[in-house]
């Protein structure tokens, strides 16, 4: 999100409509998270606990997913 325009991201629904001052650009947070997991046992345990709570959802098996997905491709209601 470092190069994303906050206003545009909110307008199309990528970000929730929050107070603009609460949005903070952090650059490559994935690299920082990986670094922390490698050097900190507690951070690694935190990441493992989060991973255990993740539920895999097959979107192609959800009712009307494709119709909803395609209907949102052009962002018409946001423009």
PDB file of N, CA and C in Angstrom:
ATOM      1  N   UNK A   1       0.815  -1.199   0.000  1.00  0.00           N
ATOM      2  CA  UNK A   1       0.000   0.000   0.000  1.00  0.00           C
ATOM      3  C   UNK A   1       0.857   1.261   0.000  1.00  0.00           C
ATOM      4  N   UNK A   2       2.148   1.135  -0.108  1.00  0.00           N
ATOM      5  CA  UNK A   2       3.023   2.295  -0.014  1.00  0.00           C
ATOM      6  C   UNK A   2       2.776   3.310  -1.125  1.00  0.00           C
ATOM      7  N   UNK A   3       2.378   2.847  -2.312  1.00  0.00           N
ATOM      8  CA  UNK A   3       2.183   3.756  -3.439  1.00  0.00           C
ATOM      9  C   UNK A   3       0.714   3.893  -3.815  1.00  0.00           C
ATOM     10  N   UNK A   4      -0.167   3.391  -2.996  1.00  0.00           N
ATOM     11  CA  UNK A   4      -1.601   3.447  -3.269  1.00  0.00           C
ATOM     12  C   UNK A   4      -2.163   4.801  -2.843  1.00  0.00           C
ATOM     13  N   UNK A   5      -2.998   5.367  -3.667  1.00  0.00           N
ATOM     14  CA  UNK A   5      -3.684   6.607  -3.328  1.00  0.00           C
ATOM     15  C   UNK A   5      -4.794   6.267  -2.338  1.00  0.00           C
ATOM     16  N   UNK A   6      -4.700   6.761  -1.119  1.00  0.00           N
ATOM     17  CA  UNK A   6      -5.647   6.429  -0.058  1.00  0.00           C
ATOM     18  C   UNK A   6      -7.076   6.778  -0.434  1.00  0.00           C
ATOM     19  N   UNK A   7      -7.282   7.957  -0.996  1.00  0.00           N
ATOM     20  CA  UNK A   7      -8.637   8.373  -1.375  1.00  0.00           C
ATOM     21  C   UNK A   7      -9.242   7.422  -2.401  1.00  0.00           C
ATOM     22  N   UNK A   8      -8.456   7.052  -3.401  1.00  0.00           N
ATOM     23  CA  UNK A   8      -8.957   6.147  -4.432  1.00  0.00           C
ATOM     24  C   UNK A   8      -9.235   4.762  -3.851  1.00  0.00           C
ATOM     25  N   UNK A   9      -8.350   4.290  -2.986  1.00  0.00           N
ATOM     26  CA  UNK A   9      -8.530   2.967  -2.383  1.00  0.00           C
ATOM     27  C   UNK A   9      -9.802   2.915  -1.540  1.00  0.00           C
ATOM     28  N   UNK A  10     -10.111   3.985  -0.848  1.00  0.00           N
ATOM     29  CA  UNK A  10     -11.340   4.047  -0.052  1.00  0.00           C
ATOM     30  C   UNK A  10     -12.553   4.131  -0.974  1.00  0.00           C
ATOM     31  N   UNK A  11     -12.449   4.927  -2.026  1.00  0.00           N
ATOM     32  CA  UNK A  11     -13.585   5.115  -2.923  1.00  0.00           C
ATOM     33  C   UNK A  11     -14.005   3.820  -3.608  1.00  0.00           C
ATOM     34  N   UNK A  12     -13.038   2.944  -3.957  1.00  0.00           N
ATOM     35  CA  UNK A  12     -13.400   1.697  -4.630  1.00  0.00           C
ATOM     36  C   UNK A  12     -13.627   0.550  -3.652  1.00  0.00           C
ATOM     37  N   UNK A  13     -13.474   0.806  -2.351  1.00  0.00           N
ATOM     38  CA  UNK A  13     -13.749  -0.228  -1.363  1.00  0.00           C
ATOM     39  C   UNK A  13     -12.563  -1.095  -0.989  1.00  0.00           C
ATOM     40  N   UNK A  14     -11.371  -0.783  -1.488  1.00  0.00           N
ATOM     41  CA  UNK A  14     -10.181  -1.546  -1.118  1.00  0.00           C
ATOM     42  C   UNK A  14      -9.857  -1.348   0.360  1.00  0.00           C
ATOM     43  N   UNK A  15     -10.078  -0.116   0.843  1.00  0.00           N
ATOM     44  CA  UNK A  15      -9.920   0.206   2.263  1.00  0.00           C
ATOM     45  C   UNK A  15     -11.273   0.660   2.802  1.00  0.00           C
ATOM     46  N   UNK A  16     -11.521   0.444   4.094  1.00  0.00           N
ATOM     47  CA  UNK A  16     -12.769   0.949   4.673  1.00  0.00           C
ATOM     48  C   UNK A  16     -12.742   2.472   4.755  1.00  0.00           C
ATOM     49  N   UNK A  17     -13.909   3.078   4.853  1.00  0.00           N
ATOM     50  CA  UNK A  17     -14.006   4.537   4.921  1.00  0.00           C
ATOM     51  C   UNK A  17     -13.676   4.988   6.342  1.00  0.00           C
ATOM     52  N   UNK A  18     -12.377   5.150   6.590  1.00  0.00           N
ATOM     53  CA  UNK A  18     -11.897   5.532   7.920  1.00  0.00           C
ATOM     54  C   UNK A  18     -11.329   6.948   7.865  1.00  0.00           C
ATOM     55  N   UNK A  19     -11.074   7.487   9.031  1.00  0.00           N
ATOM     56  CA  UNK A  19     -10.425   8.788   9.138  1.00  0.00           C
ATOM     57  C   UNK A  19      -9.070   8.711   8.436  1.00  0.00           C
ATOM     58  N   UNK A  20      -8.820   9.632   7.527  1.00  0.00           N
ATOM     59  CA  UNK A  20      -7.619   9.556   6.686  1.00  0.00           C
ATOM     60  C   UNK A  20      -6.328   9.552   7.499  1.00  0.00           C
ATOM     61  N   UNK A  21      -6.319  10.180   8.651  1.00  0.00           N
ATOM     62  CA  UNK A  21      -5.130  10.206   9.494  1.00  0.00           C
ATOM     63  C   UNK A  21      -4.781   8.860  10.096  1.00  0.00           C
ATOM     64  N   UNK A  22      -5.721   7.926  10.059  1.00  0.00           N
ATOM     65  CA  UNK A  22      -5.467   6.588  10.602  1.00  0.00           C
ATOM     66  C   UNK A  22      -4.767   5.673   9.601  1.00  0.00           C
ATOM     67  N   UNK A  23      -4.707   6.088   8.344  1.00  0.00           N
ATOM     68  CA  UNK A  23      -4.066   5.271   7.314  1.00  0.00           C
ATOM     69  C   UNK A  23      -2.573   5.566   7.331  1.00  0.00           C
ATOM     70  N   UNK A  24      -1.777   4.520   7.531  1.00  0.00           N
ATOM     71  CA  UNK A  24      -0.329   4.682   7.585  1.00  0.00           C
ATOM     72  C   UNK A  24       0.317   3.783   6.538  1.00  0.00           C
ATOM     73  N   UNK A  25       1.167   4.351   5.741  1.00  0.00           N
ATOM     74  CA  UNK A  25       1.893   3.585   4.721  1.00  0.00           C
ATOM     75  C   UNK A  25       3.114   2.951   5.374  1.00  0.00           C
ATOM     76  N   UNK A  26       3.290   1.659   5.153  1.00  0.00           N
ATOM     77  CA  UNK A  26       4.363   0.959   5.859  1.00  0.00           C
ATOM     78  C   UNK A  26       5.398   0.330   4.936  1.00  0.00           C
ATOM     79  N   UNK A  27       5.275   0.508   3.649  1.00  0.00           N
ATOM     80  CA  UNK A  27       6.250  -0.084   2.743  1.00  0.00           C
ATOM     81  C   UNK A  27       6.060  -1.588   2.666  1.00  0.00           C
ATOM     82  N   UNK A  28       7.153  -2.329   2.637  1.00  0.00           N
ATOM     83  CA  UNK A  28       7.076  -3.780   2.477  1.00  0.00           C
ATOM     84  C   UNK A  28       6.956  -4.446   3.847  1.00  0.00           C
ATOM     85  N   UNK A  29       5.733  -4.509   4.361  1.00  0.00           N
ATOM     86  CA  UNK A  29       5.486  -5.089   5.685  1.00  0.00           C
ATOM     87  C   UNK A  29       5.719  -6.597   5.692  1.00  0.00           C
ATOM     88  N   UNK A  30       5.583  -7.253   4.546  1.00  0.00           N
ATOM     89  CA  UNK A  30       5.795  -8.702   4.479  1.00  0.00           C
ATOM     90  C   UNK A  30       7.242  -9.048   4.822  1.00  0.00           C
ATOM     91  N   UNK A  31       8.178  -8.277   4.309  1.00  0.00           N
ATOM     92  CA  UNK A  31       9.589  -8.534   4.609  1.00  0.00           C
ATOM     93  C   UNK A  31       9.861  -8.301   6.093  1.00  0.00           C
ATOM     94  N   UNK A  32       9.309  -7.239   6.647  1.00  0.00           N
ATOM     95  CA  UNK A  32       9.508  -6.957   8.074  1.00  0.00           C
ATOM     96  C   UNK A  32       8.904  -8.063   8.935  1.00  0.00           C
ATOM     97  N   UNK A  33       7.716  -8.537   8.576  1.00  0.00           N
ATOM     98  CA  UNK A  33       7.086  -9.624   9.332  1.00  0.00           C
ATOM     99  C   UNK A  33       7.908 -10.902   9.267  1.00  0.00           C
ATOM    100  N   UNK A  34       8.436 -11.211   8.099  1.00  0.00           N
ATOM    101  CA  UNK A  34       9.284 -12.395   7.941  1.00  0.00           C
ATOM    102  C   UNK A  34      10.554 -12.263   8.777  1.00  0.00           C
ATOM    103  N   UNK A  35      11.141 -11.070   8.773  1.00  0.00           N
ATOM    104  CA  UNK A  35      12.363 -10.828   9.564  1.00  0.00           C
ATOM    105  C   UNK A  35      12.082 -11.044  11.045  1.00  0.00           C
ATOM    106  N   UNK A  36      10.956 -10.490  11.517  1.00  0.00           N
ATOM    107  CA  UNK A  36      10.609 -10.642  12.932  1.00  0.00           C
ATOM    108  C   UNK A  36      10.366 -12.104  13.294  1.00  0.00           C
ATOM    109  N   UNK A  37       9.709 -12.837  12.403  1.00  0.00           N
ATOM    110  CA  UNK A  37       9.446 -14.257  12.667  1.00  0.00           C
ATOM    111  C   UNK A  37      10.744 -15.061  12.737  1.00  0.00           C
ATOM    112  N   UNK A  38      11.747 -14.632  11.975  1.00  0.00           N
ATOM    113  CA  UNK A  38      13.026 -15.336  11.981  1.00  0.00           C
ATOM    114  C   UNK A  38      13.861 -15.043  13.224  1.00  0.00           C
ATOM    115  N   UNK A  39      13.768 -13.825  13.765  1.00  0.00           N
ATOM    116  CA  UNK A  39      14.656 -13.468  14.875  1.00  0.00           C
ATOM    117  C   UNK A  39      13.970 -13.495  16.238  1.00  0.00           C
ATOM    118  N   UNK A  40      12.647 -13.650  16.273  1.00  0.00           N
ATOM    119  CA  UNK A  40      11.941 -13.612  17.548  1.00  0.00           C
ATOM    120  C   UNK A  40      11.061 -14.849  17.711  1.00  0.00           C
ATOM    121  N   UNK A  41      11.343 -15.632  18.750  1.00  0.00           N
ATOM    122  CA  UNK A  41      10.541 -16.832  19.005  1.00  0.00           C
ATOM    123  C   UNK A  41       9.088 -16.445  19.302  1.00  0.00           C
ATOM    124  N   UNK A  42       8.876 -15.353  20.046  1.00  0.00           N
ATOM    125  CA  UNK A  42       7.520 -14.936  20.390  1.00  0.00           C
ATOM    126  C   UNK A  42       6.744 -14.508  19.132  1.00  0.00           C
ATOM    127  N   UNK A  43       7.388 -13.742  18.244  1.00  0.00           N
ATOM    128  CA  UNK A  43       6.721 -13.327  17.006  1.00  0.00           C
ATOM    129  C   UNK A  43       6.397 -14.531  16.133  1.00  0.00           C
ATOM    130  N   UNK A  44       7.307 -15.504  16.092  1.00  0.00           N
ATOM    131  CA  UNK A  44       7.076 -16.719  15.313  1.00  0.00           C
ATOM    132  C   UNK A  44       5.889 -17.497  15.882  1.00  0.00           C
ATOM    133  N   UNK A  45       5.815 -17.597  17.204  1.00  0.00           N
ATOM    134  CA  UNK A  45       4.686 -18.275  17.843  1.00  0.00           C
ATOM    135  C   UNK A  45       3.373 -17.537  17.575  1.00  0.00           C
ATOM    136  N   UNK A  46       3.420 -16.201  17.590  1.00  0.00           N
ATOM    137  CA  UNK A  46       2.231 -15.404  17.253  1.00  0.00           C
ATOM    138  C   UNK A  46       1.768 -15.715  15.834  1.00  0.00           C
ATOM    139  N   UNK A  47       2.712 -15.749  14.895  1.00  0.00           N
ATOM    140  CA  UNK A  47       2.373 -16.024  13.497  1.00  0.00           C
ATOM    141  C   UNK A  47       1.798 -17.436  13.341  1.00  0.00           C
ATOM    142  N   UNK A  48       2.361 -18.396  14.048  1.00  0.00           N
ATOM    143  CA  UNK A  48       1.851 -19.770  13.977  1.00  0.00           C
ATOM    144  C   UNK A  48       0.440 -19.861  14.549  1.00  0.00           C
ATOM    145  N   UNK A  49       0.158 -19.116  15.616  1.00  0.00           N
ATOM    146  CA  UNK A  49      -1.183 -19.116  16.209  1.00  0.00           C
ATOM    147  C   UNK A  49      -2.201 -18.526  15.232  1.00  0.00           C
ATOM    148  N   UNK A  50      -1.819 -17.459  14.540  1.00  0.00           N
ATOM    149  CA  UNK A  50      -2.709 -16.855  13.545  1.00  0.00           C
ATOM    150  C   UNK A  50      -2.940 -17.848  12.408  1.00  0.00           C
ATOM    151  N   UNK A  51      -1.888 -18.506  11.955  1.00  0.00           N
ATOM    152  CA  UNK A  51      -2.002 -19.456  10.847  1.00  0.00           C
ATOM    153  C   UNK A  51      -2.971 -20.592  11.182  1.00  0.00           C
ATOM    154  N   UNK A  52      -3.022 -21.001  12.422  1.00  0.00           N
ATOM    155  CA  UNK A  52      -3.931 -22.087  12.829  1.00  0.00           C
ATOM    156  C   UNK A  52      -5.398 -21.665  12.770  1.00  0.00           C
ATOM    157  N   UNK A  53      -5.665 -20.364  12.817  1.00  0.00           N
ATOM    158  CA  UNK A  53      -7.050 -19.868  12.791  1.00  0.00           C
ATOM    159  C   UNK A  53      -7.560 -19.610  11.376  1.00  0.00           C
ATOM    160  N   UNK A  54      -6.681 -19.711  10.399  1.00  0.00           N
ATOM    161  CA  UNK A  54      -7.059 -19.426   9.017  1.00  0.00           C
ATOM    162  C   UNK A  54      -7.937 -20.544   8.480  1.00  0.00           C
ATOM    163  N   UNK A  55      -9.013 -20.144   7.823  1.00  0.00           N
ATOM    164  CA  UNK A  55      -9.923 -21.106   7.208  1.00  0.00           C
ATOM    165  C   UNK A  55      -9.871 -20.917   5.696  1.00  0.00           C
ATOM    166  N   UNK A  56      -9.635 -21.998   4.979  1.00  0.00           N
ATOM    167  CA  UNK A  56      -9.575 -21.948   3.521  1.00  0.00           C
ATOM    168  C   UNK A  56     -10.997 -22.014   2.972  1.00  0.00           C
ATOM    169  N   UNK A  57     -11.344 -21.028   2.176  1.00  0.00           N
ATOM    170  CA  UNK A  57     -12.668 -20.994   1.555  1.00  0.00           C
ATOM    171  C   UNK A  57     -12.477 -21.078   0.050  1.00  0.00           C
ATOM    172  N   UNK A  58     -13.137 -22.045  -0.565  1.00  0.00           N
ATOM    173  CA  UNK A  58     -13.070 -22.186  -2.019  1.00  0.00           C
ATOM    174  C   UNK A  58     -14.135 -21.278  -2.628  1.00  0.00           C
ATOM    175  N   UNK A  59     -13.707 -20.134  -3.113  1.00  0.00           N
ATOM    176  CA  UNK A  59     -14.648 -19.148  -3.633  1.00  0.00           C
ATOM    177  C   UNK A  59     -15.473 -19.692  -4.789  1.00  0.00           C
ATOM    178  N   UNK A  60     -14.866 -20.563  -5.598  1.00  0.00           N
ATOM    179  CA  UNK A  60     -15.607 -21.101  -6.740  1.00  0.00           C
ATOM    180  C   UNK A  60     -16.790 -21.969  -6.307  1.00  0.00           C
ATOM    181  N   UNK A  61     -16.812 -22.386  -5.046  1.00  0.00           N
ATOM    182  CA  UNK A  61     -17.919 -23.196  -4.536  1.00  0.00           C
ATOM    183  C   UNK A  61     -18.986 -22.357  -3.829  1.00  0.00           C
ATOM    184  N   UNK A  62     -18.741 -21.070  -3.677  1.00  0.00           N
ATOM    185  CA  UNK A  62     -19.708 -20.185  -3.024  1.00  0.00           C
ATOM    186  C   UNK A  62     -20.789 -19.767  -4.017  1.00  0.00           C
ATOM    187  N   UNK A  63     -22.034 -19.740  -3.545  1.00  0.00           N
ATOM    188  CA  UNK A  63     -23.145 -19.340  -4.406  1.00  0.00           C
ATOM    189  C   UNK A  63     -22.928 -17.944  -4.969  1.00  0.00           C
ATOM    190  N   UNK A  64     -23.131 -17.806  -6.253  1.00  0.00           N
ATOM    191  CA  UNK A  64     -23.092 -16.522  -6.961  1.00  0.00           C
ATOM    192  C   UNK A  64     -21.744 -15.804  -6.914  1.00  0.00           C
ATOM    193  N   UNK A  65     -20.676 -16.493  -6.534  1.00  0.00           N
ATOM    194  CA  UNK A  65     -19.388 -15.802  -6.444  1.00  0.00           C
ATOM    195  C   UNK A  65     -18.987 -15.184  -7.774  1.00  0.00           C
ATOM    196  N   UNK A  66     -19.029 -15.972  -8.846  1.00  0.00           N
ATOM    197  CA  UNK A  66     -18.582 -15.464 -10.138  1.00  0.00           C
ATOM    198  C   UNK A  66     -19.420 -14.271 -10.590  1.00  0.00           C
ATOM    199  N   UNK A  67     -20.729 -14.336 -10.386  1.00  0.00           N
ATOM    200  CA  UNK A  67     -21.588 -13.219 -10.779  1.00  0.00           C
ATOM    201  C   UNK A  67     -21.236 -11.959  -9.991  1.00  0.00           C
ATOM    202  N   UNK A  68     -21.042 -12.113  -8.686  1.00  0.00           N
ATOM    203  CA  UNK A  68     -20.677 -10.962  -7.853  1.00  0.00           C
ATOM    204  C   UNK A  68     -19.302 -10.419  -8.227  1.00  0.00           C
ATOM    205  N   UNK A  69     -18.363 -11.319  -8.448  1.00  0.00           N
ATOM    206  CA  UNK A  69     -17.008 -10.923  -8.800  1.00  0.00           C
ATOM    207  C   UNK A  69     -16.996 -10.118 -10.096  1.00  0.00           C
ATOM    208  N   UNK A  70     -17.622 -10.664 -11.121  1.00  0.00           N
ATOM    209  CA  UNK A  70     -17.641  -9.999 -12.419  1.00  0.00           C
ATOM    210  C   UNK A  70     -18.373  -8.666 -12.341  1.00  0.00           C
ATOM    211  N   UNK A  71     -19.438  -8.597 -11.549  1.00  0.00           N
ATOM    212  CA  UNK A  71     -20.193  -7.346 -11.457  1.00  0.00           C
ATOM    213  C   UNK A  71     -19.393  -6.226 -10.804  1.00  0.00           C
ATOM    214  N   UNK A  72     -18.359  -6.563 -10.043  1.00  0.00           N
ATOM    215  CA  UNK A  72     -17.532  -5.554  -9.368  1.00  0.00           C
ATOM    216  C   UNK A  72     -16.278  -5.171 -10.148  1.00  0.00           C
ATOM    217  N   UNK A  73     -16.011  -5.830 -11.255  1.00  0.00           N
ATOM    218  CA  UNK A  73     -14.763  -5.600 -11.981  1.00  0.00           C
ATOM    219  C   UNK A  73     -14.587  -4.172 -12.481  1.00  0.00           C
ATOM    220  N   UNK A  74     -15.651  -3.503 -12.813  1.00  0.00           N
ATOM    221  CA  UNK A  74     -15.518  -2.182 -13.424  1.00  0.00           C
ATOM    222  C   UNK A  74     -15.764  -1.034 -12.455  1.00  0.00           C
ATOM    223  N   UNK A  75     -15.996  -1.322 -11.192  1.00  0.00           N
ATOM    224  CA  UNK A  75     -16.142  -0.305 -10.144  1.00  0.00           C
ATOM    225  C   UNK A  75     -17.197   0.746 -10.465  1.00  0.00           C
ATOM    226  N   UNK A  76     -18.200   0.416 -11.266  1.00  0.00           N
ATOM    227  CA  UNK A  76     -19.185   1.395 -11.712  1.00  0.00           C
ATOM    228  C   UNK A  76     -19.885   2.116 -10.564  1.00  0.00           C
ATOM    229  N   UNK A  77     -20.267   1.406  -9.512  1.00  0.00           N
ATOM    230  CA  UNK A  77     -20.995   2.074  -8.445  1.00  0.00           C
ATOM    231  C   UNK A  77     -20.105   2.987  -7.608  1.00  0.00           C
ATOM    232  N   UNK A  78     -18.796   2.929  -7.794  1.00  0.00           N
ATOM    233  CA  UNK A  78     -17.872   3.761  -7.010  1.00  0.00           C
ATOM    234  C   UNK A  78     -17.434   5.015  -7.748  1.00  0.00           C
ATOM    235  N   UNK A  79     -17.714   5.077  -9.034  1.00  0.00           N
ATOM    236  CA  UNK A  79     -17.211   6.205  -9.838  1.00  0.00           C
ATOM    237  C   UNK A  79     -18.188   7.350  -9.890  1.00  0.00           C
TER     238      UNK A  79
END
